[in-house]
Structure formats: C-alpha cells, structure tokens
Amino acid sequence: MPKIATADRVSPEELLQFLSGRHRYVLMTTRADGRPQLSPVTGGVDDGGRLVISTYPDRAKAVNLRRNPAASVLVVSDDWDDAWVQVDGTAEVLDMPSPEAEDGLVEYFRCIAGEHPDWAEYRAAMRKQGKSLIRISITGWGPVATGGFPPDRAPA
C-alpha cells in the first residue's frame, strides 16, 4: 500500500507536544545580503515553550540573529521518513557569562538529555567555552507533515 502524505494543522499545545521529543533541527537565519543561512543543529523546547539551541557568539547563526531576529526552524523526526514541522519565530541570543544564558544552557541540556551528573561542572564548562544560547519565541507554524503521495495521486 502506498504511503499517503499528511499535513495536520495542530493547536499550540499539540505543537509543543510534537516538538518536545524531537531534537534534530535545521535553523534558517538571514545573511547580511538577504540570502538564507541554514544550519543543522540540536535543539529543544524550554519550560516557556521556546525553541532553544546552543551555539557560540561568533557563529553565522548567532551573528545573523543579532542583526535580524527572524528565524525559521525545520524540526524533523529521528527517522528521516517521519513527521516534520516548520516553526517560525523571533530569536534572541544570550551570551555567557550572563546568568540568563547560563541558566538557559542548563535548561537546554535538561530538555535534550535530562539531568547532568554535575551541574557545577557543566556551568563551568559553558563559561569556559564562552557558549551562547539562541532562544526562539514561536510566532507561527505550518502543519505537522509527512511525505508520500498526495491522496488523489496515490497508485491503486
């Protein structure tokens, strides 16, 4: 039987439920010349319902978002042939050593990997590495979709 494509509109609560178990993202920012910059990243959803991504302050994604905070994120499932969704939002970049960035990086770790065995060690490593946190407030999203044949074109 052929696989039929789906495109399900979801509520904000259903979107957050879908996002919470998925950590493979493609982040789209805008370069200074207007062209898109795509970055494969690991991400999660914080307690405020924002997408969170760890980076460094001089990476293209962080530089681009400081200039233009508009971001789109393609969230894909672990299985490449499973569901995905595009999420759009407004980003902020938080840099170490600010307490907000440090706490945000702890929450980032928790939503992806759970509890760290030594939070003091983790926080020290984030300070030493000079990490940054991208936090995206969701402003819109497309349907949760899967690939396949359009229903009216599936082979019999």
C-alpha atoms as a PDB file:
ATOM      1  CA  MET A   1       0.000   0.000   0.000  1.00  0.00           C
ATOM      2  CA  PRO A   2       1.463   3.416  -0.921  1.00  0.00           C
ATOM      3  CA  LYS A   3       2.301   5.931   1.768  1.00  0.00           C
ATOM      4  CA  ILE A   4      -0.101   8.879   1.731  1.00  0.00           C
ATOM      5  CA  ALA A   5       1.205  12.350   2.602  1.00  0.00           C
ATOM      6  CA  THR A   6      -0.337  14.148   5.564  1.00  0.00           C
ATOM      7  CA  ALA A   7      -0.487  17.787   6.662  1.00  0.00           C
ATOM      8  CA  ASP A   8      -2.192  18.155  10.021  1.00  0.00           C
ATOM      9  CA  ARG A   9      -2.932  21.575  11.497  1.00  0.00           C
ATOM     10  CA  VAL A  10      -2.269  21.435  15.240  1.00  0.00           C
ATOM     11  CA  SER A  11      -3.032  23.573  18.269  1.00  0.00           C
ATOM     12  CA  PRO A  12      -0.243  25.299  20.223  1.00  0.00           C
ATOM     13  CA  GLU A  13      -0.431  22.548  22.859  1.00  0.00           C
ATOM     14  CA  GLU A  14      -0.233  19.801  20.217  1.00  0.00           C
ATOM     15  CA  LEU A  15       2.705  21.579  18.579  1.00  0.00           C
ATOM     16  CA  LEU A  16       4.656  21.689  21.855  1.00  0.00           C
ATOM     17  CA  GLN A  17       3.895  18.014  22.440  1.00  0.00           C
ATOM     18  CA  PHE A  18       5.207  17.184  18.951  1.00  0.00           C
ATOM     19  CA  LEU A  19       8.338  19.318  19.417  1.00  0.00           C
ATOM     20  CA  SER A  20       9.227  18.061  22.890  1.00  0.00           C
ATOM     21  CA  GLY A  21      10.505  14.671  21.714  1.00  0.00           C
ATOM     22  CA  ARG A  22      12.378  15.903  18.659  1.00  0.00           C
ATOM     23  CA  HIS A  23      15.864  17.449  18.757  1.00  0.00           C
ATOM     24  CA  ARG A  24      17.019  17.477  15.112  1.00  0.00           C
ATOM     25  CA  TYR A  25      16.582  20.944  13.669  1.00  0.00           C
ATOM     26  CA  VAL A  26      17.567  22.887  10.598  1.00  0.00           C
ATOM     27  CA  LEU A  27      17.758  26.562  11.623  1.00  0.00           C
ATOM     28  CA  MET A  28      17.260  29.207   8.954  1.00  0.00           C
ATOM     29  CA  THR A  29      18.572  32.724   9.531  1.00  0.00           C
ATOM     30  CA  THR A  30      19.196  35.540   7.067  1.00  0.00           C
ATOM     31  CA  ARG A  31      22.649  36.626   5.928  1.00  0.00           C
ATOM     32  CA  ALA A  32      23.510  40.320   5.596  1.00  0.00           C
ATOM     33  CA  ASP A  33      22.996  40.087   1.811  1.00  0.00           C
ATOM     34  CA  GLY A  34      19.496  38.646   2.280  1.00  0.00           C
ATOM     35  CA  ARG A  35      20.283  35.049   1.346  1.00  0.00           C
ATOM     36  CA  PRO A  36      19.257  32.262   3.724  1.00  0.00           C
ATOM     37  CA  GLN A  37      21.778  30.639   6.070  1.00  0.00           C
ATOM     38  CA  LEU A  38      20.869  27.055   7.012  1.00  0.00           C
ATOM     39  CA  SER A  39      22.427  25.310   9.985  1.00  0.00           C
ATOM     40  CA  PRO A  40      21.799  21.756  11.204  1.00  0.00           C
ATOM     41  CA  VAL A  41      21.569  21.995  14.995  1.00  0.00           C
ATOM     42  CA  THR A  42      20.391  20.139  18.081  1.00  0.00           C
ATOM     43  CA  GLY A  43      17.560  21.865  19.888  1.00  0.00           C
ATOM     44  CA  GLY A  44      14.848  21.529  22.458  1.00  0.00           C
ATOM     45  CA  VAL A  45      11.838  23.265  23.965  1.00  0.00           C
ATOM     46  CA  ASP A  46      12.287  25.128  27.241  1.00  0.00           C
ATOM     47  CA  ASP A  47       9.715  25.487  30.020  1.00  0.00           C
ATOM     48  CA  GLY A  48       8.474  28.702  28.381  1.00  0.00           C
ATOM     49  CA  GLY A  49       7.621  26.906  25.129  1.00  0.00           C
ATOM     50  CA  ARG A  50      10.556  28.457  23.259  1.00  0.00           C
ATOM     51  CA  LEU A  51      12.956  26.606  20.987  1.00  0.00           C
ATOM     52  CA  VAL A  52      16.480  26.611  22.435  1.00  0.00           C
ATOM     53  CA  ILE A  53      19.750  25.999  20.617  1.00  0.00           C
ATOM     54  CA  SER A  54      23.311  26.119  21.953  1.00  0.00           C
ATOM     55  CA  THR A  55      25.974  27.872  19.874  1.00  0.00           C
ATOM     56  CA  TYR A  56      28.962  30.214  20.053  1.00  0.00           C
ATOM     57  CA  PRO A  57      28.700  34.008  19.801  1.00  0.00           C
ATOM     58  CA  ASP A  58      30.662  34.296  16.541  1.00  0.00           C
ATOM     59  CA  ARG A  59      28.829  31.579  14.570  1.00  0.00           C
ATOM     60  CA  ALA A  60      26.915  32.760  11.495  1.00  0.00           C
ATOM     61  CA  LYS A  61      23.563  31.855  13.040  1.00  0.00           C
ATOM     62  CA  ALA A  62      24.198  33.998  16.126  1.00  0.00           C
ATOM     63  CA  VAL A  63      25.607  36.914  14.116  1.00  0.00           C
ATOM     64  CA  ASN A  64      22.665  36.784  11.709  1.00  0.00           C
ATOM     65  CA  LEU A  65      20.076  36.640  14.503  1.00  0.00           C
ATOM     66  CA  ARG A  66      21.593  39.631  16.296  1.00  0.00           C
ATOM     67  CA  ARG A  67      21.117  41.621  13.081  1.00  0.00           C
ATOM     68  CA  ASN A  68      17.710  40.169  12.153  1.00  0.00           C
ATOM     69  CA  PRO A  69      15.910  38.109  14.821  1.00  0.00           C
ATOM     70  CA  ALA A  70      13.527  36.405  12.374  1.00  0.00           C
ATOM     71  CA  ALA A  71      14.145  32.649  12.378  1.00  0.00           C
ATOM     72  CA  SER A  72      12.567  29.548  10.896  1.00  0.00           C
ATOM     73  CA  VAL A  73      13.285  26.060  12.137  1.00  0.00           C
ATOM     74  CA  LEU A  74      12.551  22.786  10.380  1.00  0.00           C
ATOM     75  CA  VAL A  75      12.030  20.222  13.146  1.00  0.00           C
ATOM     76  CA  VAL A  76      12.458  16.675  11.844  1.00  0.00           C
ATOM     77  CA  SER A  77      11.955  13.290  13.452  1.00  0.00           C
ATOM     78  CA  ASP A  78      14.795  10.887  14.200  1.00  0.00           C
ATOM     79  CA  ASP A  79      13.504   8.730  11.361  1.00  0.00           C
ATOM     80  CA  TRP A  80      14.090  10.791   8.217  1.00  0.00           C
ATOM     81  CA  ASP A  81      10.854   9.490   6.660  1.00  0.00           C
ATOM     82  CA  ASP A  82       8.684  10.506   9.624  1.00  0.00           C
ATOM     83  CA  ALA A  83       6.816  13.706  10.502  1.00  0.00           C
ATOM     84  CA  TRP A  84       8.243  17.237  10.475  1.00  0.00           C
ATOM     85  CA  VAL A  85       7.068  20.797  11.018  1.00  0.00           C
ATOM     86  CA  GLN A  86       8.311  24.289  10.167  1.00  0.00           C
ATOM     87  CA  VAL A  87       8.252  26.688  13.114  1.00  0.00           C
ATOM     88  CA  ASP A  88       8.734  30.433  12.703  1.00  0.00           C
ATOM     89  CA  GLY A  89       9.670  32.864  15.421  1.00  0.00           C
ATOM     90  CA  THR A  90      11.672  35.706  16.855  1.00  0.00           C
ATOM     91  CA  ALA A  91      15.080  34.881  18.305  1.00  0.00           C
ATOM     92  CA  GLU A  92      17.264  36.331  20.988  1.00  0.00           C
ATOM     93  CA  VAL A  93      20.908  35.433  21.538  1.00  0.00           C
ATOM     94  CA  LEU A  94      22.120  35.200  25.145  1.00  0.00           C
ATOM     95  CA  ASP A  95      25.859  35.095  25.786  1.00  0.00           C
ATOM     96  CA  MET A  96      27.926  33.764  28.650  1.00  0.00           C
ATOM     97  CA  PRO A  97      28.780  34.794  31.264  1.00  0.00           C
ATOM     98  CA  SER A  98      25.300  36.258  31.861  1.00  0.00           C
ATOM     99  CA  PRO A  99      23.243  34.388  34.462  1.00  0.00           C
ATOM    100  CA  GLU A 100      20.325  34.247  31.999  1.00  0.00           C
ATOM    101  CA  ALA A 101      22.490  32.499  29.383  1.00  0.00           C
ATOM    102  CA  GLU A 102      23.936  30.124  31.976  1.00  0.00           C
ATOM    103  CA  ASP A 103      20.502  29.151  33.330  1.00  0.00           C
ATOM    104  CA  GLY A 104      19.190  28.858  29.768  1.00  0.00           C
ATOM    105  CA  LEU A 105      22.011  26.498  28.815  1.00  0.00           C
ATOM    106  CA  VAL A 106      21.156  24.330  31.834  1.00  0.00           C
ATOM    107  CA  GLU A 107      17.531  24.192  30.692  1.00  0.00           C
ATOM    108  CA  TYR A 108      18.717  23.435  27.126  1.00  0.00           C
ATOM    109  CA  PHE A 109      20.701  20.448  28.405  1.00  0.00           C
ATOM    110  CA  ARG A 110      17.787  19.224  30.524  1.00  0.00           C
ATOM    111  CA  CYS A 111      15.242  19.291  27.702  1.00  0.00           C
ATOM    112  CA  ILE A 112      17.549  17.299  25.435  1.00  0.00           C
ATOM    113  CA  ALA A 113      19.462  14.939  27.714  1.00  0.00           C
ATOM    114  CA  GLY A 114      17.891  15.093  31.190  1.00  0.00           C
ATOM    115  CA  GLU A 115      19.869  15.683  34.344  1.00  0.00           C
ATOM    116  CA  HIS A 116      23.616  16.259  34.280  1.00  0.00           C
ATOM    117  CA  PRO A 117      25.655  14.391  36.923  1.00  0.00           C
ATOM    118  CA  ASP A 118      27.430  17.606  37.998  1.00  0.00           C
ATOM    119  CA  TRP A 119      25.716  20.909  37.245  1.00  0.00           C
ATOM    120  CA  ALA A 120      28.583  22.966  38.690  1.00  0.00           C
ATOM    121  CA  GLU A 121      30.966  21.257  36.270  1.00  0.00           C
ATOM    122  CA  TYR A 122      28.559  21.824  33.352  1.00  0.00           C
ATOM    123  CA  ARG A 123      28.110  25.516  34.207  1.00  0.00           C
ATOM    124  CA  ALA A 124      31.892  25.957  34.496  1.00  0.00           C
ATOM    125  CA  ALA A 125      32.383  24.310  31.089  1.00  0.00           C
ATOM    126  CA  MET A 126      29.787  26.620  29.488  1.00  0.00           C
ATOM    127  CA  ARG A 127      31.553  29.667  30.968  1.00  0.00           C
ATOM    128  CA  LYS A 128      34.991  28.427  29.871  1.00  0.00           C
ATOM    129  CA  GLN A 129      33.748  27.688  26.334  1.00  0.00           C
ATOM    130  CA  GLY A 130      32.008  31.076  26.118  1.00  0.00           C
ATOM    131  CA  LYS A 131      28.787  29.492  24.884  1.00  0.00           C
ATOM    132  CA  SER A 132      25.681  31.303  23.723  1.00  0.00           C
ATOM    133  CA  LEU A 133      22.041  30.301  23.755  1.00  0.00           C
ATOM    134  CA  ILE A 134      19.596  31.021  20.966  1.00  0.00           C
ATOM    135  CA  ARG A 135      16.050  31.229  22.293  1.00  0.00           C
ATOM    136  CA  ILE A 136      13.231  31.440  19.743  1.00  0.00           C
ATOM    137  CA  SER A 137       9.743  32.588  20.713  1.00  0.00           C
ATOM    138  CA  ILE A 138       7.306  30.834  18.398  1.00  0.00           C
ATOM    139  CA  THR A 139       5.106  33.145  16.321  1.00  0.00           C
ATOM    140  CA  GLY A 140       3.729  30.659  13.795  1.00  0.00           C
ATOM    141  CA  TRP A 141       3.981  27.160  12.406  1.00  0.00           C
ATOM    142  CA  GLY A 142       2.889  25.077   9.474  1.00  0.00           C
ATOM    143  CA  PRO A 143       1.162  21.757   9.544  1.00  0.00           C
ATOM    144  CA  VAL A 144       2.819  18.696  11.013  1.00  0.00           C
ATOM    145  CA  ALA A 145       3.527  16.871   7.782  1.00  0.00           C
ATOM    146  CA  THR A 146       4.671  13.544   6.419  1.00  0.00           C
ATOM    147  CA  GLY A 147       5.849  12.709   2.915  1.00  0.00           C
ATOM    148  CA  GLY A 148       4.196  10.412   0.459  1.00  0.00           C
ATOM    149  CA  PHE A 149       1.735  10.539  -2.366  1.00  0.00           C
ATOM    150  CA  PRO A 150      -0.962  13.209  -2.375  1.00  0.00           C
ATOM    151  CA  PRO A 151      -4.200  11.338  -1.584  1.00  0.00           C
ATOM    152  CA  ASP A 152      -5.636  11.986  -5.061  1.00  0.00           C
ATOM    153  CA  ARG A 153      -2.491  10.707  -6.826  1.00  0.00           C
ATOM    154  CA  ALA A 154      -1.707   7.511  -4.949  1.00  0.00           C
ATOM    155  CA  PRO A 155      -1.321   4.455  -7.151  1.00  0.00           C
ATOM    156  CA  ALA A 156      -4.105   1.958  -6.745  1.00  0.00           C
END
